[in-house]
Amino acid sequence: MKKETRIEKEKQTVRQMIHFYCRHKEGNKELCTECRELLEYALKRLDKCPFGEEKKTCRLCKIHCYSPKMKERICEVMRYAGPRMMIYHPITALKHLWRELD
């Protein structure tokens, strides 16, 4: 079994948060075009992260690699989905919080 990398864990978290936001806040069963674009953008940014496996969570990062428009959008998603992740995806939420301390 292949060990999941830190980047892969961050991708999983952002994927869950965007899906959660699109379904619960926007009421979509499938990702809408805007959320799909945001997810693709976020995954590409994670692929190009210069910190690699030394990466902290994006919230704690010293480099702000998102465009202003996408940064605003991901912040909106995280403000909505973040607190609710403890209820709907507690394991993912706790792991994410742990990575912030790590």
Protein backbone atom coordinates (compact mmCIF):
# COMPACT_ATOMS: atom_id res chain seq x y z
CA MET A 1 0.00 0.00 0.00
CA LYS A 2 1.41 3.37 -1.08
CA LYS A 3 1.82 6.01 1.63
CA GLU A 4 -0.30 9.07 0.99
CA THR A 5 1.80 12.22 0.58
CA ARG A 6 1.12 15.48 2.36
CA ILE A 7 0.13 17.09 -0.96
CA GLU A 8 -2.31 14.24 -1.65
CA LYS A 9 -3.85 14.74 1.80
CA GLU A 10 -4.28 18.45 1.11
CA LYS A 11 -5.86 17.62 -2.25
CA GLN A 12 -8.31 15.26 -0.56
CA THR A 13 -9.25 17.93 1.98
CA VAL A 14 -9.78 20.70 -0.58
CA ARG A 15 -11.74 18.30 -2.79
CA GLN A 16 -14.08 17.41 0.08
CA MET A 17 -14.52 21.05 1.07
CA ILE A 18 -15.38 22.21 -2.44
CA HIS A 19 -17.78 19.30 -2.99
CA PHE A 20 -19.40 20.01 0.38
CA TYR A 21 -19.78 23.71 -0.40
CA CYS A 22 -21.24 23.11 -3.85
CA ARG A 23 -23.73 20.53 -2.56
CA HIS A 24 -24.82 22.14 0.72
CA LYS A 25 -24.42 25.88 0.12
CA GLU A 26 -25.27 26.02 -3.57
CA GLY A 27 -27.63 23.04 -3.62
CA ASN A 28 -25.98 21.20 -6.52
CA LYS A 29 -25.82 17.41 -6.77
CA GLU A 30 -22.77 17.60 -9.02
CA LEU A 31 -20.01 20.21 -9.05
CA CYS A 32 -21.10 23.35 -10.88
CA THR A 33 -18.80 24.92 -13.45
CA GLU A 34 -17.39 27.51 -11.02
CA CYS A 35 -16.66 24.92 -8.32
CA ARG A 36 -15.11 22.54 -10.85
CA GLU A 37 -12.84 25.34 -12.08
CA LEU A 38 -11.89 26.21 -8.49
CA LEU A 39 -11.10 22.57 -7.72
CA GLU A 40 -8.96 22.17 -10.84
CA TYR A 41 -7.15 25.41 -10.01
CA ALA A 42 -6.53 24.38 -6.39
CA LEU A 43 -5.22 20.96 -7.43
CA LYS A 44 -2.82 22.54 -9.95
CA ARG A 45 -1.56 24.97 -7.30
CA LEU A 46 -0.92 22.05 -4.93
CA ASP A 47 0.94 20.17 -7.68
CA LYS A 48 3.24 23.17 -8.11
CA CYS A 49 3.73 23.90 -4.42
CA PRO A 50 7.43 24.69 -3.90
CA PHE A 51 7.32 23.31 -0.35
CA GLY A 52 6.34 19.78 -1.40
CA GLU A 53 6.24 17.41 1.54
CA GLU A 54 7.35 20.18 3.91
CA LYS A 55 4.15 22.05 3.10
CA LYS A 56 2.00 23.47 5.86
CA THR A 57 -1.68 24.08 5.23
CA CYS A 58 -2.36 26.84 2.70
CA ARG A 59 -3.79 29.06 5.43
CA LEU A 60 -0.37 29.17 7.11
CA CYS A 61 1.66 29.50 3.91
CA LYS A 62 3.99 32.46 3.42
CA ILE A 63 3.53 32.33 -0.36
CA HIS A 64 0.12 33.33 -1.67
CA CYS A 65 0.02 31.56 -5.01
CA TYR A 66 -3.70 31.99 -5.76
CA SER A 67 -4.90 34.77 -8.05
CA PRO A 68 -6.99 37.34 -6.15
CA LYS A 69 -10.24 36.05 -7.70
CA MET A 70 -9.51 32.42 -6.84
CA LYS A 71 -8.24 33.33 -3.38
CA GLU A 72 -11.52 35.10 -2.67
CA ARG A 73 -13.46 32.08 -3.93
CA ILE A 74 -11.49 29.48 -1.93
CA CYS A 75 -11.78 31.62 1.21
CA GLU A 76 -15.55 31.71 0.72
CA VAL A 77 -15.61 27.92 0.37
CA MET A 78 -13.42 27.39 3.42
CA ARG A 79 -15.38 29.82 5.59
CA TYR A 80 -18.54 27.86 4.84
CA ALA A 81 -17.21 24.30 4.71
CA GLY A 82 -14.46 24.48 7.33
CA PRO A 83 -16.58 24.61 10.50
CA ARG A 84 -19.06 22.11 9.11
CA MET A 85 -16.35 19.57 8.28
CA MET A 86 -16.19 18.64 11.97
CA ILE A 87 -19.77 17.36 11.69
CA TYR A 88 -19.77 15.81 8.22
CA HIS A 89 -16.11 14.77 7.80
CA PRO A 90 -14.61 14.76 11.33
CA ILE A 91 -11.60 12.57 10.51
CA THR A 92 -10.55 14.76 7.58
CA ALA A 93 -11.11 17.91 9.65
CA LEU A 94 -9.04 16.65 12.57
CA LYS A 95 -6.22 15.51 10.29
CA HIS A 96 -6.21 18.91 8.62
CA LEU A 97 -6.05 20.69 11.96
CA TRP A 98 -3.24 18.36 13.05
CA ARG A 99 -1.27 19.26 9.90
CA GLU A 100 -1.53 22.91 10.90
CA LEU A 101 0.22 22.07 14.17
CA ASP A 102 2.76 19.75 12.59
